[in-house]
Amino acid sequence: CLGHGNSVKFLSANTFSDDTKIIDLGNDFRLEADKVFEGKAF
């Protein structure tokens, strides 16, 4: 529940289990061009 643009920063700085599901309420991964982050496809 971060400000727009801050989800990428947070996930870059913190690691979670491979089993952890992620729901981003910001706009970082909504567009097709931005949906893949470090191998995670949103």
PDB file of all heavy atoms in Angstrom:
ATOM      1  N   CYS A   1       0.853  -1.194   0.000  1.00  0.00           N
ATOM      2  CA  CYS A   1       0.000   0.000   0.000  1.00  0.00           C
ATOM      3  C   CYS A   1       0.887   1.241   0.000  1.00  0.00           C
ATOM      4  O   CYS A   1       0.769   2.120   0.874  1.00  0.00           O
ATOM      5  CB  CYS A   1      -0.921  -0.006   1.217  1.00  0.00           C
ATOM      6  SG  CYS A   1      -2.003  -1.437   1.335  1.00  0.00           S
ATOM      7  N   LEU A   2       1.764   1.307  -0.965  1.00  0.00           N
ATOM      8  CA  LEU A   2       2.776   2.362  -1.028  1.00  0.00           C
ATOM      9  C   LEU A   2       2.421   3.387  -2.095  1.00  0.00           C
ATOM     10  O   LEU A   2       1.603   3.122  -2.987  1.00  0.00           O
ATOM     11  CB  LEU A   2       4.133   1.739  -1.345  1.00  0.00           C
ATOM     12  CG  LEU A   2       4.657   0.753  -0.301  1.00  0.00           C
ATOM     13  CD1 LEU A   2       5.828  -0.045  -0.847  1.00  0.00           C
ATOM     14  CD2 LEU A   2       5.052   1.496   0.969  1.00  0.00           C
ATOM     15  N   GLY A   3       3.037   4.535  -2.012  1.00  0.00           N
ATOM     16  CA  GLY A   3       2.862   5.550  -3.051  1.00  0.00           C
ATOM     17  C   GLY A   3       3.370   5.041  -4.377  1.00  0.00           C
ATOM     18  O   GLY A   3       4.249   4.163  -4.443  1.00  0.00           O
ATOM     19  N   HIS A   4       2.831   5.576  -5.441  1.00  0.00           N
ATOM     20  CA  HIS A   4       3.181   5.123  -6.779  1.00  0.00           C
ATOM     21  C   HIS A   4       4.681   5.246  -7.011  1.00  0.00           C
ATOM     22  O   HIS A   4       5.291   6.273  -6.721  1.00  0.00           O
ATOM     23  CB  HIS A   4       2.403   5.914  -7.831  1.00  0.00           C
ATOM     24  CG  HIS A   4       0.910   5.770  -7.682  1.00  0.00           C
ATOM     25  ND1 HIS A   4       0.302   4.561  -7.447  1.00  0.00           N
ATOM     26  CD2 HIS A   4      -0.086   6.686  -7.739  1.00  0.00           C
ATOM     27  CE1 HIS A   4      -1.007   4.745  -7.358  1.00  0.00           C
ATOM     28  NE2 HIS A   4      -1.262   6.022  -7.517  1.00  0.00           N
ATOM     29  N   GLY A   5       5.268   4.179  -7.504  1.00  0.00           N
ATOM     30  CA  GLY A   5       6.695   4.140  -7.760  1.00  0.00           C
ATOM     31  C   GLY A   5       7.516   3.540  -6.635  1.00  0.00           C
ATOM     32  O   GLY A   5       8.696   3.239  -6.811  1.00  0.00           O
ATOM     33  N   ASN A   6       6.902   3.328  -5.460  1.00  0.00           N
ATOM     34  CA  ASN A   6       7.652   2.854  -4.300  1.00  0.00           C
ATOM     35  C   ASN A   6       7.625   1.341  -4.117  1.00  0.00           C
ATOM     36  O   ASN A   6       8.402   0.804  -3.323  1.00  0.00           O
ATOM     37  CB  ASN A   6       7.132   3.530  -3.025  1.00  0.00           C
ATOM     38  CG  ASN A   6       7.505   4.998  -2.978  1.00  0.00           C
ATOM     39  OD1 ASN A   6       8.605   5.376  -3.359  1.00  0.00           O
ATOM     40  ND2 ASN A   6       6.580   5.829  -2.532  1.00  0.00           N
ATOM     41  N   SER A   7       6.744   0.643  -4.836  1.00  0.00           N
ATOM     42  CA  SER A   7       6.693  -0.813  -4.691  1.00  0.00           C
ATOM     43  C   SER A   7       7.964  -1.456  -5.233  1.00  0.00           C
ATOM     44  O   SER A   7       8.509  -2.387  -4.630  1.00  0.00           O
ATOM     45  CB  SER A   7       5.457  -1.373  -5.409  1.00  0.00           C
ATOM     46  OG  SER A   7       4.281  -0.913  -4.794  1.00  0.00           O
ATOM     47  N   VAL A   8       8.445  -0.966  -6.370  1.00  0.00           N
ATOM     48  CA  VAL A   8       9.695  -1.482  -6.940  1.00  0.00           C
ATOM     49  C   VAL A   8      10.835  -1.270  -5.951  1.00  0.00           C
ATOM     50  O   VAL A   8      11.655  -2.184  -5.719  1.00  0.00           O
ATOM     51  CB  VAL A   8      10.002  -0.806  -8.292  1.00  0.00           C
ATOM     52  CG1 VAL A   8      11.446  -1.063  -8.706  1.00  0.00           C
ATOM     53  CG2 VAL A   8       9.057  -1.313  -9.369  1.00  0.00           C
ATOM     54  N   LYS A   9      10.911  -0.095  -5.347  1.00  0.00           N
ATOM     55  CA  LYS A   9      11.978   0.192  -4.385  1.00  0.00           C
ATOM     56  C   LYS A   9      11.906  -0.762  -3.195  1.00  0.00           C
ATOM     57  O   LYS A   9      12.931  -1.297  -2.743  1.00  0.00           O
ATOM     58  CB  LYS A   9      11.871   1.643  -3.902  1.00  0.00           C
ATOM     59  CG  LYS A   9      12.114   2.686  -4.969  1.00  0.00           C
ATOM     60  CD  LYS A   9      11.914   4.083  -4.401  1.00  0.00           C
ATOM     61  CE  LYS A   9      12.018   5.151  -5.487  1.00  0.00           C
ATOM     62  NZ  LYS A   9      11.733   6.500  -4.947  1.00  0.00           N
ATOM     63  N   PHE A  10      10.710  -0.988  -2.687  1.00  0.00           N
ATOM     64  CA  PHE A  10      10.568  -1.847  -1.515  1.00  0.00           C
ATOM     65  C   PHE A  10      10.938  -3.291  -1.852  1.00  0.00           C
ATOM     66  O   PHE A  10      11.681  -3.941  -1.095  1.00  0.00           O
ATOM     67  CB  PHE A  10       9.143  -1.789  -0.961  1.00  0.00           C
ATOM     68  CG  PHE A  10       8.966  -2.626   0.272  1.00  0.00           C
ATOM     69  CD1 PHE A  10       9.285  -2.117   1.514  1.00  0.00           C
ATOM     70  CD2 PHE A  10       8.513  -3.945   0.182  1.00  0.00           C
ATOM     71  CE1 PHE A  10       9.157  -2.893   2.661  1.00  0.00           C
ATOM     72  CE2 PHE A  10       8.393  -4.726   1.316  1.00  0.00           C
ATOM     73  CZ  PHE A  10       8.713  -4.201   2.562  1.00  0.00           C
ATOM     74  N   LEU A  11      10.437  -3.814  -2.960  1.00  0.00           N
ATOM     75  CA  LEU A  11      10.730  -5.205  -3.321  1.00  0.00           C
ATOM     76  C   LEU A  11      12.203  -5.389  -3.680  1.00  0.00           C
ATOM     77  O   LEU A  11      12.753  -6.482  -3.510  1.00  0.00           O
ATOM     78  CB  LEU A  11       9.835  -5.646  -4.477  1.00  0.00           C
ATOM     79  CG  LEU A  11       8.342  -5.769  -4.142  1.00  0.00           C
ATOM     80  CD1 LEU A  11       7.548  -6.137  -5.393  1.00  0.00           C
ATOM     81  CD2 LEU A  11       8.110  -6.800  -3.043  1.00  0.00           C
ATOM     82  N   SER A  12      12.842  -4.342  -4.166  1.00  0.00           N
ATOM     83  CA  SER A  12      14.274  -4.422  -4.459  1.00  0.00           C
ATOM     84  C   SER A  12      15.105  -4.520  -3.184  1.00  0.00           C
ATOM     85  O   SER A  12      16.190  -5.111  -3.186  1.00  0.00           O
ATOM     86  CB  SER A  12      14.725  -3.194  -5.261  1.00  0.00           C
ATOM     87  OG  SER A  12      14.075  -3.142  -6.513  1.00  0.00           O
ATOM     88  N   ALA A  13      14.570  -3.966  -2.093  1.00  0.00           N
ATOM     89  CA  ALA A  13      15.321  -3.912  -0.841  1.00  0.00           C
ATOM     90  C   ALA A  13      14.935  -5.021   0.143  1.00  0.00           C
ATOM     91  O   ALA A  13      15.606  -5.189   1.171  1.00  0.00           O
ATOM     92  CB  ALA A  13      15.109  -2.554  -0.172  1.00  0.00           C
ATOM     93  N   ASN A  14      13.868  -5.779  -0.142  1.00  0.00           N
ATOM     94  CA  ASN A  14      13.378  -6.795   0.793  1.00  0.00           C
ATOM     95  C   ASN A  14      13.072  -8.091   0.056  1.00  0.00           C
ATOM     96  O   ASN A  14      12.577  -8.075  -1.069  1.00  0.00           O
ATOM     97  CB  ASN A  14      12.107  -6.297   1.493  1.00  0.00           C
ATOM     98  CG  ASN A  14      12.354  -5.105   2.390  1.00  0.00           C
ATOM     99  OD1 ASN A  14      12.684  -5.246   3.554  1.00  0.00           O
ATOM    100  ND2 ASN A  14      12.203  -3.900   1.825  1.00  0.00           N
ATOM    101  N   THR A  15      13.375  -9.201   0.716  1.00  0.00           N
ATOM    102  CA  THR A  15      13.186 -10.511   0.119  1.00  0.00           C
ATOM    103  C   THR A  15      12.122 -11.286   0.872  1.00  0.00           C
ATOM    104  O   THR A  15      12.091 -11.279   2.111  1.00  0.00           O
ATOM    105  CB  THR A  15      14.507 -11.315   0.141  1.00  0.00           C
ATOM    106  OG1 THR A  15      15.509 -10.571  -0.552  1.00  0.00           O
ATOM    107  CG2 THR A  15      14.333 -12.669  -0.521  1.00  0.00           C
ATOM    108  N   PHE A  16      11.257 -11.977   0.129  1.00  0.00           N
ATOM    109  CA  PHE A  16      10.206 -12.791   0.729  1.00  0.00           C
ATOM    110  C   PHE A  16      10.298 -14.212   0.188  1.00  0.00           C
ATOM    111  O   PHE A  16      10.955 -14.472  -0.816  1.00  0.00           O
ATOM    112  CB  PHE A  16       8.827 -12.172   0.455  1.00  0.00           C
ATOM    113  CG  PHE A  16       8.624 -10.881   1.179  1.00  0.00           C
ATOM    114  CD1 PHE A  16       9.032  -9.680   0.611  1.00  0.00           C
ATOM    115  CD2 PHE A  16       8.058 -10.859   2.444  1.00  0.00           C
ATOM    116  CE1 PHE A  16       8.881  -8.479   1.296  1.00  0.00           C
ATOM    117  CE2 PHE A  16       7.907  -9.667   3.138  1.00  0.00           C
ATOM    118  CZ  PHE A  16       8.314  -8.477   2.558  1.00  0.00           C
ATOM    119  N   SER A  17       9.609 -15.108   0.866  1.00  0.00           N
ATOM    120  CA  SER A  17       9.600 -16.512   0.468  1.00  0.00           C
ATOM    121  C   SER A  17       9.103 -16.663  -0.971  1.00  0.00           C
ATOM    122  O   SER A  17       8.275 -15.875  -1.449  1.00  0.00           O
ATOM    123  CB  SER A  17       8.686 -17.303   1.409  1.00  0.00           C
ATOM    124  OG  SER A  17       8.308 -18.537   0.848  1.00  0.00           O
ATOM    125  N   ASP A  18       9.598 -17.704  -1.653  1.00  0.00           N
ATOM    126  CA  ASP A  18       9.121 -17.996  -3.006  1.00  0.00           C
ATOM    127  C   ASP A  18       7.635 -18.334  -3.011  1.00  0.00           C
ATOM    128  O   ASP A  18       6.986 -18.263  -4.059  1.00  0.00           O
ATOM    129  CB  ASP A  18       9.905 -19.165  -3.608  1.00  0.00           C
ATOM    130  CG  ASP A  18      11.346 -18.793  -3.942  1.00  0.00           C
ATOM    131  OD1 ASP A  18      11.631 -17.584  -4.058  1.00  0.00           O
ATOM    132  OD2 ASP A  18      12.181 -19.705  -4.074  1.00  0.00           O
ATOM    133  N   ASP A  19       7.088 -18.704  -1.847  1.00  0.00           N
ATOM    134  CA  ASP A  19       5.668 -19.049  -1.753  1.00  0.00           C
ATOM    135  C   ASP A  19       4.787 -17.846  -1.441  1.00  0.00           C
ATOM    136  O   ASP A  19       3.558 -17.957  -1.457  1.00  0.00           O
ATOM    137  CB  ASP A  19       5.464 -20.111  -0.662  1.00  0.00           C
ATOM    138  CG  ASP A  19       6.138 -21.428  -0.998  1.00  0.00           C
ATOM    139  OD1 ASP A  19       6.159 -21.790  -2.190  1.00  0.00           O
ATOM    140  OD2 ASP A  19       6.660 -22.086  -0.070  1.00  0.00           O
ATOM    141  N   THR A  20       5.393 -16.703  -1.135  1.00  0.00           N
ATOM    142  CA  THR A  20       4.618 -15.508  -0.786  1.00  0.00           C
ATOM    143  C   THR A  20       3.983 -14.894  -2.033  1.00  0.00           C
ATOM    144  O   THR A  20       4.675 -14.563  -2.992  1.00  0.00           O
ATOM    145  CB  THR A  20       5.508 -14.459  -0.092  1.00  0.00           C
ATOM    146  OG1 THR A  20       6.045 -15.011   1.098  1.00  0.00           O
ATOM    147  CG2 THR A  20       4.705 -13.210   0.248  1.00  0.00           C
ATOM    148  N   LYS A  21       2.674 -14.750  -2.002  1.00  0.00           N
ATOM    149  CA  LYS A  21       1.973 -14.050  -3.078  1.00  0.00           C
ATOM    150  C   LYS A  21       2.006 -12.551  -2.785  1.00  0.00           C
ATOM    151  O   LYS A  21       2.055 -12.136  -1.620  1.00  0.00           O
ATOM    152  CB  LYS A  21       0.534 -14.552  -3.196  1.00  0.00           C
ATOM    153  CG  LYS A  21       0.416 -16.058  -3.467  1.00  0.00           C
ATOM    154  CD  LYS A  21      -1.030 -16.490  -3.552  1.00  0.00           C
ATOM    155  CE  LYS A  21      -1.194 -17.996  -3.551  1.00  0.00           C
ATOM    156  NZ  LYS A  21      -0.643 -18.645  -4.738  1.00  0.00           N
ATOM    157  N   ILE A  22       1.983 -11.739  -3.841  1.00  0.00           N
ATOM    158  CA  ILE A  22       2.097 -10.282  -3.686  1.00  0.00           C
ATOM    159  C   ILE A  22       0.947  -9.598  -4.426  1.00  0.00           C
ATOM    160  O   ILE A  22       0.666  -9.933  -5.588  1.00  0.00           O
ATOM    161  CB  ILE A  22       3.439  -9.768  -4.231  1.00  0.00           C
ATOM    162  CG1 ILE A  22       4.612 -10.392  -3.446  1.00  0.00           C
ATOM    163  CG2 ILE A  22       3.504  -8.237  -4.153  1.00  0.00           C
ATOM    164  CD1 ILE A  22       5.976 -10.067  -4.028  1.00  0.00           C
ATOM    165  N   ILE A  23       0.300  -8.668  -3.745  1.00  0.00           N
ATOM    166  CA  ILE A  23      -0.743  -7.839  -4.352  1.00  0.00           C
ATOM    167  C   ILE A  23      -0.315  -6.392  -4.178  1.00  0.00           C
ATOM    168  O   ILE A  23      -0.227  -5.879  -3.050  1.00  0.00           O
ATOM    169  CB  ILE A  23      -2.120  -8.086  -3.704  1.00  0.00           C
ATOM    170  CG1 ILE A  23      -2.529  -9.556  -3.864  1.00  0.00           C
ATOM    171  CG2 ILE A  23      -3.176  -7.156  -4.327  1.00  0.00           C
ATOM    172  CD1 ILE A  23      -3.801  -9.925  -3.125  1.00  0.00           C
ATOM    173  N   ASP A  24      -0.021  -5.722  -5.290  1.00  0.00           N
ATOM    174  CA  ASP A  24       0.447  -4.335  -5.265  1.00  0.00           C
ATOM    175  C   ASP A  24      -0.716  -3.398  -5.542  1.00  0.00           C
ATOM    176  O   ASP A  24      -1.360  -3.491  -6.593  1.00  0.00           O
ATOM    177  CB  ASP A  24       1.548  -4.135  -6.307  1.00  0.00           C
ATOM    178  CG  ASP A  24       2.037  -2.687  -6.335  1.00  0.00           C
ATOM    179  OD1 ASP A  24       2.060  -2.057  -5.260  1.00  0.00           O
ATOM    180  OD2 ASP A  24       2.388  -2.200  -7.424  1.00  0.00           O
ATOM    181  N   LEU A  25      -1.004  -2.497  -4.603  1.00  0.00           N
ATOM    182  CA  LEU A  25      -2.091  -1.535  -4.790  1.00  0.00           C
ATOM    183  C   LEU A  25      -1.625  -0.256  -5.463  1.00  0.00           C
ATOM    184  O   LEU A  25      -2.432   0.647  -5.710  1.00  0.00           O
ATOM    185  CB  LEU A  25      -2.768  -1.209  -3.458  1.00  0.00           C
ATOM    186  CG  LEU A  25      -3.763  -2.266  -2.953  1.00  0.00           C
ATOM    187  CD1 LEU A  25      -3.069  -3.469  -2.346  1.00  0.00           C
ATOM    188  CD2 LEU A  25      -4.742  -1.665  -1.947  1.00  0.00           C
ATOM    189  N   GLY A  26      -0.334  -0.142  -5.772  1.00  0.00           N
ATOM    190  CA  GLY A  26       0.181   1.006  -6.508  1.00  0.00           C
ATOM    191  C   GLY A  26       0.126   0.759  -8.010  1.00  0.00           C
ATOM    192  O   GLY A  26      -0.471  -0.212  -8.491  1.00  0.00           O
ATOM    193  N   ASN A  27       0.795   1.633  -8.771  1.00  0.00           N
ATOM    194  CA  ASN A  27       0.704   1.528 -10.238  1.00  0.00           C
ATOM    195  C   ASN A  27       1.977   0.984 -10.879  1.00  0.00           C
ATOM    196  O   ASN A  27       2.136   1.039 -12.090  1.00  0.00           O
ATOM    197  CB  ASN A  27       0.352   2.893 -10.852  1.00  0.00           C
ATOM    198  CG  ASN A  27       1.494   3.904 -10.746  1.00  0.00           C
ATOM    199  OD1 ASN A  27       2.519   3.641 -10.115  1.00  0.00           O
ATOM    200  ND2 ASN A  27       1.312   5.066 -11.357  1.00  0.00           N
ATOM    201  N   ASP A  28       2.880   0.431 -10.067  1.00  0.00           N
ATOM    202  CA  ASP A  28       4.193   0.060 -10.584  1.00  0.00           C
ATOM    203  C   ASP A  28       4.149  -1.045 -11.633  1.00  0.00           C
ATOM    204  O   ASP A  28       5.010  -1.106 -12.517  1.00  0.00           O
ATOM    205  CB  ASP A  28       5.100  -0.384  -9.432  1.00  0.00           C
ATOM    206  CG  ASP A  28       5.474   0.757  -8.511  1.00  0.00           C
ATOM    207  OD1 ASP A  28       4.664   1.695  -8.380  1.00  0.00           O
ATOM    208  OD2 ASP A  28       6.561   0.720  -7.916  1.00  0.00           O
ATOM    209  N   PHE A  29       3.166  -1.955 -11.564  1.00  0.00           N
ATOM    210  CA  PHE A  29       3.179  -3.149 -12.413  1.00  0.00           C
ATOM    211  C   PHE A  29       1.913  -3.303 -13.263  1.00  0.00           C
ATOM    212  O   PHE A  29       1.660  -4.375 -13.809  1.00  0.00           O
ATOM    213  CB  PHE A  29       3.355  -4.398 -11.536  1.00  0.00           C
ATOM    214  CG  PHE A  29       4.503  -4.304 -10.577  1.00  0.00           C
ATOM    215  CD1 PHE A  29       4.273  -4.219  -9.204  1.00  0.00           C
ATOM    216  CD2 PHE A  29       5.811  -4.282 -11.028  1.00  0.00           C
ATOM    217  CE1 PHE A  29       5.322  -4.131  -8.306  1.00  0.00           C
ATOM    218  CE2 PHE A  29       6.875  -4.193 -10.140  1.00  0.00           C
ATOM    219  CZ  PHE A  29       6.632  -4.114  -8.778  1.00  0.00           C
ATOM    220  N   ARG A  30       1.131  -2.254 -13.394  1.00  0.00           N
ATOM    221  CA  ARG A  30      -0.159  -2.376 -14.075  1.00  0.00           C
ATOM    222  C   ARG A  30      -0.050  -2.457 -15.593  1.00  0.00           C
ATOM    223  O   ARG A  30      -0.871  -3.103 -16.244  1.00  0.00           O
ATOM    224  CB  ARG A  30      -1.062  -1.186 -13.708  1.00  0.00           C
ATOM    225  CG  ARG A  30      -1.530  -1.201 -12.273  1.00  0.00           C
ATOM    226  CD  ARG A  30      -2.262   0.088 -11.926  1.00  0.00           C
ATOM    227  NE  ARG A  30      -2.585   0.155 -10.506  1.00  0.00           N
ATOM    228  CZ  ARG A  30      -2.930   1.269  -9.879  1.00  0.00           C
ATOM    229  NH1 ARG A  30      -2.974   2.434 -10.548  1.00  0.00           N
ATOM    230  NH2 ARG A  30      -3.209   1.240  -8.588  1.00  0.00           N
ATOM    231  N   LEU A  31       0.925  -1.794 -16.164  1.00  0.00           N
ATOM    232  CA  LEU A  31       1.035  -1.744 -17.615  1.00  0.00           C
ATOM    233  C   LEU A  31       1.863  -2.909 -18.129  1.00  0.00           C
ATOM    234  O   LEU A  31       2.777  -3.402 -17.462  1.00  0.00           O
ATOM    235  CB  LEU A  31       1.645  -0.415 -18.055  1.00  0.00           C
ATOM    236  CG  LEU A  31       0.853   0.834 -17.667  1.00  0.00           C
ATOM    237  CD1 LEU A  31       1.526   2.075 -18.227  1.00  0.00           C
ATOM    238  CD2 LEU A  31      -0.595   0.753 -18.139  1.00  0.00           C
ATOM    239  N   GLU A  32       1.544  -3.347 -19.336  1.00  0.00           N
ATOM    240  CA  GLU A  32       2.205  -4.497 -19.944  1.00  0.00           C
ATOM    241  C   GLU A  32       3.724  -4.331 -19.943  1.00  0.00           C
ATOM    242  O   GLU A  32       4.467  -5.292 -19.699  1.00  0.00           O
ATOM    243  CB  GLU A  32       1.682  -4.681 -21.374  1.00  0.00           C
ATOM    244  CG  GLU A  32       2.043  -5.994 -22.019  1.00  0.00           C
ATOM    245  CD  GLU A  32       1.312  -7.192 -21.434  1.00  0.00           C
ATOM    246  OE1 GLU A  32       0.281  -7.007 -20.752  1.00  0.00           O
ATOM    247  OE2 GLU A  32       1.797  -8.315 -21.658  1.00  0.00           O
ATOM    248  N   ALA A  33       4.189  -3.124 -20.190  1.00  0.00           N
ATOM    249  CA  ALA A  33       5.636  -2.878 -20.262  1.00  0.00           C
ATOM    250  C   ALA A  33       6.324  -2.994 -18.904  1.00  0.00           C
ATOM    251  O   ALA A  33       7.543  -3.171 -18.835  1.00  0.00           O
ATOM    252  CB  ALA A  33       5.898  -1.491 -20.849  1.00  0.00           C
ATOM    253  N   ASP A  34       5.548  -2.919 -17.808  1.00  0.00           N
ATOM    254  CA  ASP A  34       6.129  -2.905 -16.464  1.00  0.00           C
ATOM    255  C   ASP A  34       5.800  -4.161 -15.653  1.00  0.00           C
ATOM    256  O   ASP A  34       6.179  -4.250 -14.487  1.00  0.00           O
ATOM    257  CB  ASP A  34       5.603  -1.692 -15.682  1.00  0.00           C
ATOM    258  CG  ASP A  34       5.870  -0.380 -16.383  1.00  0.00           C
ATOM    259  OD1 ASP A  34       6.950  -0.250 -16.985  1.00  0.00           O
ATOM    260  OD2 ASP A  34       4.997   0.501 -16.328  1.00  0.00           O
ATOM    261  N   LYS A  35       5.088  -5.111 -16.226  1.00  0.00           N
ATOM    262  CA  LYS A  35       4.497  -6.181 -15.415  1.00  0.00           C
ATOM    263  C   LYS A  35       5.500  -7.208 -14.903  1.00  0.00           C
ATOM    264  O   LYS A  35       5.206  -7.947 -13.958  1.00  0.00           O
ATOM    265  CB  LYS A  35       3.381  -6.888 -16.189  1.00  0.00           C
ATOM    266  CG  LYS A  35       3.849  -7.803 -17.312  1.00  0.00           C
ATOM    267  CD  LYS A  35       2.670  -8.523 -17.944  1.00  0.00           C
ATOM    268  CE  LYS A  35       3.123  -9.559 -18.965  1.00  0.00           C
ATOM    269  NZ  LYS A  35       1.988 -10.271 -19.558  1.00  0.00           N
ATOM    270  N   VAL A  36       6.681  -7.305 -15.508  1.00  0.00           N
ATOM    271  CA  VAL A  36       7.686  -8.278 -15.063  1.00  0.00           C
ATOM    272  C   VAL A  36       8.751  -7.565 -14.241  1.00  0.00           C
ATOM    273  O   VAL A  36       9.369  -6.602 -14.695  1.00  0.00           O
ATOM    274  CB  VAL A  36       8.334  -9.014 -16.254  1.00  0.00           C
ATOM    275  CG1 VAL A  36       9.402  -9.985 -15.757  1.00  0.00           C
ATOM    276  CG2 VAL A  36       7.273  -9.757 -17.059  1.00  0.00           C
ATOM    277  N   PHE A  37       8.945  -8.051 -13.009  1.00  0.00           N
ATOM    278  CA  PHE A  37       9.935  -7.471 -12.113  1.00  0.00           C
ATOM    279  C   PHE A  37      10.734  -8.609 -11.481  1.00  0.00           C
ATOM    280  O   PHE A  37      10.172  -9.457 -10.782  1.00  0.00           O
ATOM    281  CB  PHE A  37       9.247  -6.636 -11.028  1.00  0.00           C
ATOM    282  CG  PHE A  37      10.178  -6.179  -9.944  1.00  0.00           C
ATOM    283  CD1 PHE A  37      11.073  -5.140 -10.173  1.00  0.00           C
ATOM    284  CD2 PHE A  37      10.179  -6.799  -8.697  1.00  0.00           C
ATOM    285  CE1 PHE A  37      11.942  -4.729  -9.171  1.00  0.00           C
ATOM    286  CE2 PHE A  37      11.039  -6.387  -7.693  1.00  0.00           C
ATOM    287  CZ  PHE A  37      11.928  -5.348  -7.934  1.00  0.00           C
ATOM    288  N   GLU A  38      12.029  -8.632 -11.750  1.00  0.00           N
ATOM    289  CA  GLU A  38      12.921  -9.661 -11.207  1.00  0.00           C
ATOM    290  C   GLU A  38      12.340 -11.062 -11.398  1.00  0.00           C
ATOM    291  O   GLU A  38      12.329 -11.891 -10.475  1.00  0.00           O
ATOM    292  CB  GLU A  38      13.209  -9.386  -9.722  1.00  0.00           C
ATOM    293  CG  GLU A  38      14.011  -8.099  -9.500  1.00  0.00           C
ATOM    294  CD  GLU A  38      14.396  -7.892  -8.050  1.00  0.00           C
ATOM    295  OE1 GLU A  38      13.877  -8.625  -7.183  1.00  0.00           O
ATOM    296  OE2 GLU A  38      15.210  -6.985  -7.779  1.00  0.00           O
ATOM    297  N   GLY A  39      11.838 -11.313 -12.591  1.00  0.00           N
ATOM    298  CA  GLY A  39      11.283 -12.623 -12.926  1.00  0.00           C
ATOM    299  C   GLY A  39       9.858 -12.850 -12.473  1.00  0.00           C
ATOM    300  O   GLY A  39       9.257 -13.887 -12.781  1.00  0.00           O
ATOM    301  N   LYS A  40       9.292 -11.898 -11.743  1.00  0.00           N
ATOM    302  CA  LYS A  40       7.908 -12.010 -11.271  1.00  0.00           C
ATOM    303  C   LYS A  40       6.987 -11.331 -12.279  1.00  0.00           C
ATOM    304  O   LYS A  40       7.128 -10.140 -12.538  1.00  0.00           O
ATOM    305  CB  LYS A  40       7.736 -11.353  -9.901  1.00  0.00           C
ATOM    306  CG  LYS A  40       8.615 -11.931  -8.807  1.00  0.00           C
ATOM    307  CD  LYS A  40       8.445 -11.123  -7.518  1.00  0.00           C
ATOM    308  CE  LYS A  40       9.273 -11.671  -6.385  1.00  0.00           C
ATOM    309  NZ  LYS A  40      10.728 -11.457  -6.599  1.00  0.00           N
ATOM    310  N   ALA A  41       6.042 -12.076 -12.837  1.00  0.00           N
ATOM    311  CA  ALA A  41       5.103 -11.521 -13.814  1.00  0.00           C
ATOM    312  C   ALA A  41       3.791 -11.186 -13.109  1.00  0.00           C
ATOM    313  O   ALA A  41       3.112 -12.086 -12.589  1.00  0.00           O
ATOM    314  CB  ALA A  41       4.862 -12.511 -14.945  1.00  0.00           C
ATOM    315  N   PHE A  42       3.442  -9.916 -13.072  1.00  0.00           N
ATOM    316  CA  PHE A  42       2.221  -9.455 -12.403  1.00  0.00           C
ATOM    317  C   PHE A  42       1.029  -9.532 -13.359  1.00  0.00           C
ATOM    318  O   PHE A  42       1.124  -9.143 -14.519  1.00  0.00           O
ATOM    319  CB  PHE A  42       2.398  -8.021 -11.908  1.00  0.00           C
ATOM    320  CG  PHE A  42       3.212  -7.917 -10.644  1.00  0.00           C
ATOM    321  CD1 PHE A  42       4.600  -8.078 -10.673  1.00  0.00           C
ATOM    322  CD2 PHE A  42       2.608  -7.668  -9.430  1.00  0.00           C
ATOM    323  CE1 PHE A  42       5.352  -7.994  -9.511  1.00  0.00           C
ATOM    324  CE2 PHE A  42       3.360  -7.574  -8.255  1.00  0.00           C
ATOM    325  CZ  PHE A  42       4.732  -7.744  -8.307  1.00  0.00           C
TER     326      PHE A  42
END
